[in-house]
N, C-alpha and C. Protein backbone atom coordinates (compact mmCIF):
# COMPACT_ATOMS: atom_id res chain seq x y z
N UNK A 1 62.45 132.53 -139.88
CA UNK A 1 63.83 132.99 -139.83
C UNK A 1 64.13 133.80 -141.08
N UNK A 2 64.76 134.95 -140.91
CA UNK A 2 65.08 135.81 -142.05
C UNK A 2 66.25 135.23 -142.84
N UNK A 3 66.22 135.47 -144.14
CA UNK A 3 67.30 135.01 -145.01
C UNK A 3 68.56 135.82 -144.75
N UNK A 4 69.71 135.19 -144.87
CA UNK A 4 70.97 135.92 -144.71
C UNK A 4 71.22 136.76 -145.96
N UNK A 5 72.06 137.79 -145.87
CA UNK A 5 72.32 138.65 -147.03
C UNK A 5 72.88 137.90 -148.24
N UNK A 6 73.52 136.75 -148.02
CA UNK A 6 74.12 136.04 -149.13
C UNK A 6 73.17 135.05 -149.79
N UNK A 7 71.99 134.82 -149.23
CA UNK A 7 71.05 133.90 -149.84
C UNK A 7 70.59 134.43 -151.19
N UNK A 8 70.66 133.61 -152.21
CA UNK A 8 70.20 133.91 -153.57
C UNK A 8 70.87 135.13 -154.19
N UNK A 9 72.00 135.51 -153.68
CA UNK A 9 72.74 136.63 -154.27
C UNK A 9 73.82 136.09 -155.18
N UNK A 10 74.00 136.77 -156.30
CA UNK A 10 75.09 136.41 -157.19
C UNK A 10 76.40 136.91 -156.59
N UNK A 11 77.49 136.21 -156.88
CA UNK A 11 78.78 136.69 -156.37
C UNK A 11 79.15 138.02 -157.02
N UNK A 12 79.90 138.82 -156.29
CA UNK A 12 80.33 140.13 -156.77
C UNK A 12 81.72 140.05 -157.37
N UNK A 13 81.90 140.78 -158.44
CA UNK A 13 83.23 141.00 -159.02
C UNK A 13 83.54 142.48 -158.83
N UNK A 14 84.61 142.76 -158.13
CA UNK A 14 85.03 144.13 -157.87
C UNK A 14 85.82 144.63 -159.07
N UNK A 15 85.45 145.79 -159.57
CA UNK A 15 86.16 146.42 -160.69
C UNK A 15 87.06 147.51 -160.13
N UNK A 16 88.36 147.37 -160.33
CA UNK A 16 89.31 148.36 -159.85
C UNK A 16 89.98 147.91 -158.56
N UNK A 17 91.15 148.50 -158.29
CA UNK A 17 91.91 148.11 -157.11
C UNK A 17 92.60 149.30 -156.47
N UNK A 18 91.89 150.41 -156.41
CA UNK A 18 92.43 151.61 -155.78
C UNK A 18 91.78 151.86 -154.43
N UNK A 19 91.87 153.08 -153.99
CA UNK A 19 91.32 153.45 -152.69
C UNK A 19 89.82 153.27 -152.59
N UNK A 20 89.10 153.68 -153.63
CA UNK A 20 87.64 153.52 -153.63
C UNK A 20 87.26 152.04 -153.58
N UNK A 21 87.99 151.22 -154.32
CA UNK A 21 87.73 149.78 -154.32
C UNK A 21 87.95 149.19 -152.93
N UNK A 22 88.98 149.66 -152.23
CA UNK A 22 89.24 149.15 -150.87
C UNK A 22 88.07 149.46 -149.93
N UNK A 23 87.51 150.64 -150.06
CA UNK A 23 86.37 151.01 -149.22
C UNK A 23 85.18 150.11 -149.53
N UNK A 24 84.89 149.92 -150.81
CA UNK A 24 83.76 149.06 -151.18
C UNK A 24 83.99 147.62 -150.77
N UNK A 25 85.23 147.15 -150.86
CA UNK A 25 85.55 145.80 -150.44
C UNK A 25 85.28 145.63 -148.94
N UNK A 26 85.69 146.59 -148.15
CA UNK A 26 85.44 146.52 -146.70
C UNK A 26 83.95 146.51 -146.40
N UNK A 27 83.18 147.32 -147.11
CA UNK A 27 81.73 147.35 -146.91
C UNK A 27 81.08 146.03 -147.32
N UNK A 28 81.50 145.48 -148.45
CA UNK A 28 80.93 144.21 -148.91
C UNK A 28 81.24 143.09 -147.93
N UNK A 29 82.45 143.06 -147.42
CA UNK A 29 82.81 142.04 -146.44
C UNK A 29 82.03 142.21 -145.15
N UNK A 30 81.88 143.45 -144.70
CA UNK A 30 81.12 143.71 -143.47
C UNK A 30 79.66 143.29 -143.62
N UNK A 31 79.13 143.40 -144.83
CA UNK A 31 77.74 143.03 -145.10
C UNK A 31 77.59 141.53 -145.37
N UNK A 32 78.70 140.81 -145.44
CA UNK A 32 78.65 139.38 -145.69
C UNK A 32 78.30 139.01 -147.12
N UNK A 33 78.61 139.89 -148.06
CA UNK A 33 78.29 139.63 -149.46
C UNK A 33 79.33 138.70 -150.09
N UNK A 34 78.90 137.85 -151.00
CA UNK A 34 79.84 136.92 -151.63
C UNK A 34 80.71 137.64 -152.66
N UNK A 35 82.02 137.47 -152.56
CA UNK A 35 82.97 138.12 -153.46
C UNK A 35 83.71 137.07 -154.26
N UNK A 36 83.65 137.17 -155.57
CA UNK A 36 84.31 136.21 -156.45
C UNK A 36 85.77 136.60 -156.70
N UNK A 37 86.02 137.88 -156.92
CA UNK A 37 87.37 138.33 -157.20
C UNK A 37 87.37 139.77 -157.68
N UNK A 38 88.53 140.19 -158.17
CA UNK A 38 88.71 141.57 -158.63
C UNK A 38 89.25 141.57 -160.06
N UNK A 39 88.77 142.50 -160.86
CA UNK A 39 89.28 142.72 -162.21
C UNK A 39 89.97 144.07 -162.24
N UNK A 40 91.23 144.07 -162.65
CA UNK A 40 91.98 145.32 -162.75
C UNK A 40 93.12 145.10 -163.73
N UNK A 41 93.19 145.89 -164.81
CA UNK A 41 94.24 145.69 -165.81
C UNK A 41 95.65 145.92 -165.27
N UNK A 42 95.81 146.79 -164.30
CA UNK A 42 97.15 147.03 -163.74
C UNK A 42 97.61 145.81 -162.96
N UNK A 43 96.73 145.25 -162.13
CA UNK A 43 97.10 144.04 -161.39
C UNK A 43 97.43 142.90 -162.35
N UNK A 44 96.65 142.79 -163.42
CA UNK A 44 96.90 141.75 -164.40
C UNK A 44 98.27 141.94 -165.05
N UNK A 45 98.59 143.17 -165.45
CA UNK A 45 99.87 143.46 -166.10
C UNK A 45 101.05 143.19 -165.16
N UNK A 46 100.83 143.39 -163.86
CA UNK A 46 101.89 143.14 -162.88
C UNK A 46 101.99 141.67 -162.51
N UNK A 47 101.07 140.85 -163.00
CA UNK A 47 101.10 139.42 -162.72
C UNK A 47 100.62 139.05 -161.33
N UNK A 48 99.84 139.92 -160.71
CA UNK A 48 99.33 139.66 -159.36
C UNK A 48 98.26 138.56 -159.41
N UNK A 49 98.34 137.64 -158.48
CA UNK A 49 97.33 136.59 -158.38
C UNK A 49 96.29 136.88 -157.32
N UNK A 50 96.68 137.72 -156.33
CA UNK A 50 95.79 138.07 -155.23
C UNK A 50 95.93 139.56 -154.93
N UNK A 51 94.82 140.15 -154.48
CA UNK A 51 94.81 141.55 -154.04
C UNK A 51 93.85 141.63 -152.87
N UNK A 52 94.32 142.08 -151.73
CA UNK A 52 93.49 142.24 -150.53
C UNK A 52 92.70 140.96 -150.21
N UNK A 53 93.33 139.81 -150.47
CA UNK A 53 92.68 138.54 -150.18
C UNK A 53 91.71 138.05 -151.24
N UNK A 54 91.58 138.79 -152.33
CA UNK A 54 90.70 138.39 -153.44
C UNK A 54 91.54 137.86 -154.59
N UNK A 55 90.98 136.91 -155.31
CA UNK A 55 91.63 136.41 -156.51
C UNK A 55 91.57 137.49 -157.59
N UNK A 56 92.69 137.73 -158.25
CA UNK A 56 92.72 138.64 -159.40
C UNK A 56 92.26 137.82 -160.61
N UNK A 57 91.12 138.19 -161.14
CA UNK A 57 90.52 137.44 -162.25
C UNK A 57 91.14 137.81 -163.59
N UNK A 58 91.77 138.97 -163.65
CA UNK A 58 92.37 139.47 -164.88
C UNK A 58 92.00 140.93 -165.06
N UNK A 59 92.12 141.39 -166.31
CA UNK A 59 91.71 142.75 -166.64
C UNK A 59 90.21 142.78 -166.90
N UNK A 60 89.77 143.86 -167.51
CA UNK A 60 88.34 144.01 -167.77
C UNK A 60 87.78 142.90 -168.65
N UNK A 61 88.60 142.39 -169.57
CA UNK A 61 88.13 141.35 -170.47
C UNK A 61 87.82 140.04 -169.76
N UNK A 62 88.28 139.87 -168.53
CA UNK A 62 87.98 138.66 -167.76
C UNK A 62 86.49 138.52 -167.48
N UNK A 63 85.77 139.63 -167.55
CA UNK A 63 84.33 139.57 -167.28
C UNK A 63 83.57 138.77 -168.33
N UNK A 64 84.14 138.63 -169.52
CA UNK A 64 83.46 137.90 -170.59
C UNK A 64 83.27 136.42 -170.27
N UNK A 65 84.02 135.89 -169.32
CA UNK A 65 83.87 134.48 -168.98
C UNK A 65 82.64 134.22 -168.11
N UNK A 66 82.00 135.28 -167.65
CA UNK A 66 80.81 135.15 -166.81
C UNK A 66 79.60 135.68 -167.56
N UNK A 67 78.53 134.94 -167.55
CA UNK A 67 77.30 135.40 -168.19
C UNK A 67 76.71 136.57 -167.41
N UNK A 68 75.87 137.37 -168.06
CA UNK A 68 75.31 138.56 -167.40
C UNK A 68 74.45 138.24 -166.19
N UNK A 69 73.99 137.02 -166.07
CA UNK A 69 73.16 136.64 -164.92
C UNK A 69 73.91 135.80 -163.91
N UNK A 70 75.23 135.73 -164.05
CA UNK A 70 76.04 134.91 -163.14
C UNK A 70 76.73 135.70 -162.05
N UNK A 71 77.07 136.96 -162.31
CA UNK A 71 77.76 137.79 -161.32
C UNK A 71 77.15 139.18 -161.32
N UNK A 72 77.35 139.89 -160.23
CA UNK A 72 77.03 141.31 -160.16
C UNK A 72 78.36 142.06 -160.04
N UNK A 73 78.37 143.28 -160.53
CA UNK A 73 79.59 144.07 -160.53
C UNK A 73 79.56 145.11 -159.42
N UNK A 74 80.70 145.32 -158.81
CA UNK A 74 80.87 146.32 -157.78
C UNK A 74 81.90 147.32 -158.32
N UNK A 75 81.42 148.50 -158.67
CA UNK A 75 82.26 149.49 -159.36
C UNK A 75 83.16 150.23 -158.37
N UNK A 76 84.42 149.81 -158.35
CA UNK A 76 85.39 150.39 -157.43
C UNK A 76 86.34 151.35 -158.11
N UNK A 77 85.94 151.88 -159.24
CA UNK A 77 86.78 152.82 -159.98
C UNK A 77 86.35 154.23 -159.61
N UNK A 78 87.23 154.98 -159.03
CA UNK A 78 86.93 156.34 -158.65
C UNK A 78 87.62 157.32 -159.57
N UNK A 79 87.46 158.56 -159.30
CA UNK A 79 88.05 159.62 -160.12
C UNK A 79 89.45 159.95 -159.61
N UNK A 80 90.37 160.07 -160.54
CA UNK A 80 91.72 160.48 -160.21
C UNK A 80 91.82 161.97 -160.41
N UNK A 81 92.14 162.70 -159.36
CA UNK A 81 92.24 164.15 -159.43
C UNK A 81 93.71 164.54 -159.35
N UNK A 82 94.13 165.34 -160.27
CA UNK A 82 95.52 165.81 -160.27
C UNK A 82 95.53 167.28 -159.85
N UNK A 83 96.59 167.67 -159.19
CA UNK A 83 96.72 169.05 -158.77
C UNK A 83 96.89 169.14 -157.26
N UNK A 84 96.99 170.35 -156.78
CA UNK A 84 97.20 170.52 -155.35
C UNK A 84 95.87 170.50 -154.62
N UNK A 85 95.93 170.07 -153.39
CA UNK A 85 94.71 169.99 -152.57
C UNK A 85 94.64 171.15 -151.62
């Protein structure tokens, strides 16, 4: 029997909470990947406890509570483009 995608995988911490992060979150959920929470300084400043069903872990500094071999990061920070389209 083949291993499931979540076997022996570290939980993911999503960085960012914008449009790009939403796309990556949907993909991670569809793939059955384990998600620990989201880090975003704006959500932290607003006092949000949850975002899109994920626990808000805090700002970027919240990552220090996890060792480098305890979680994997999912970079949901995209480029902000200003101007007309």
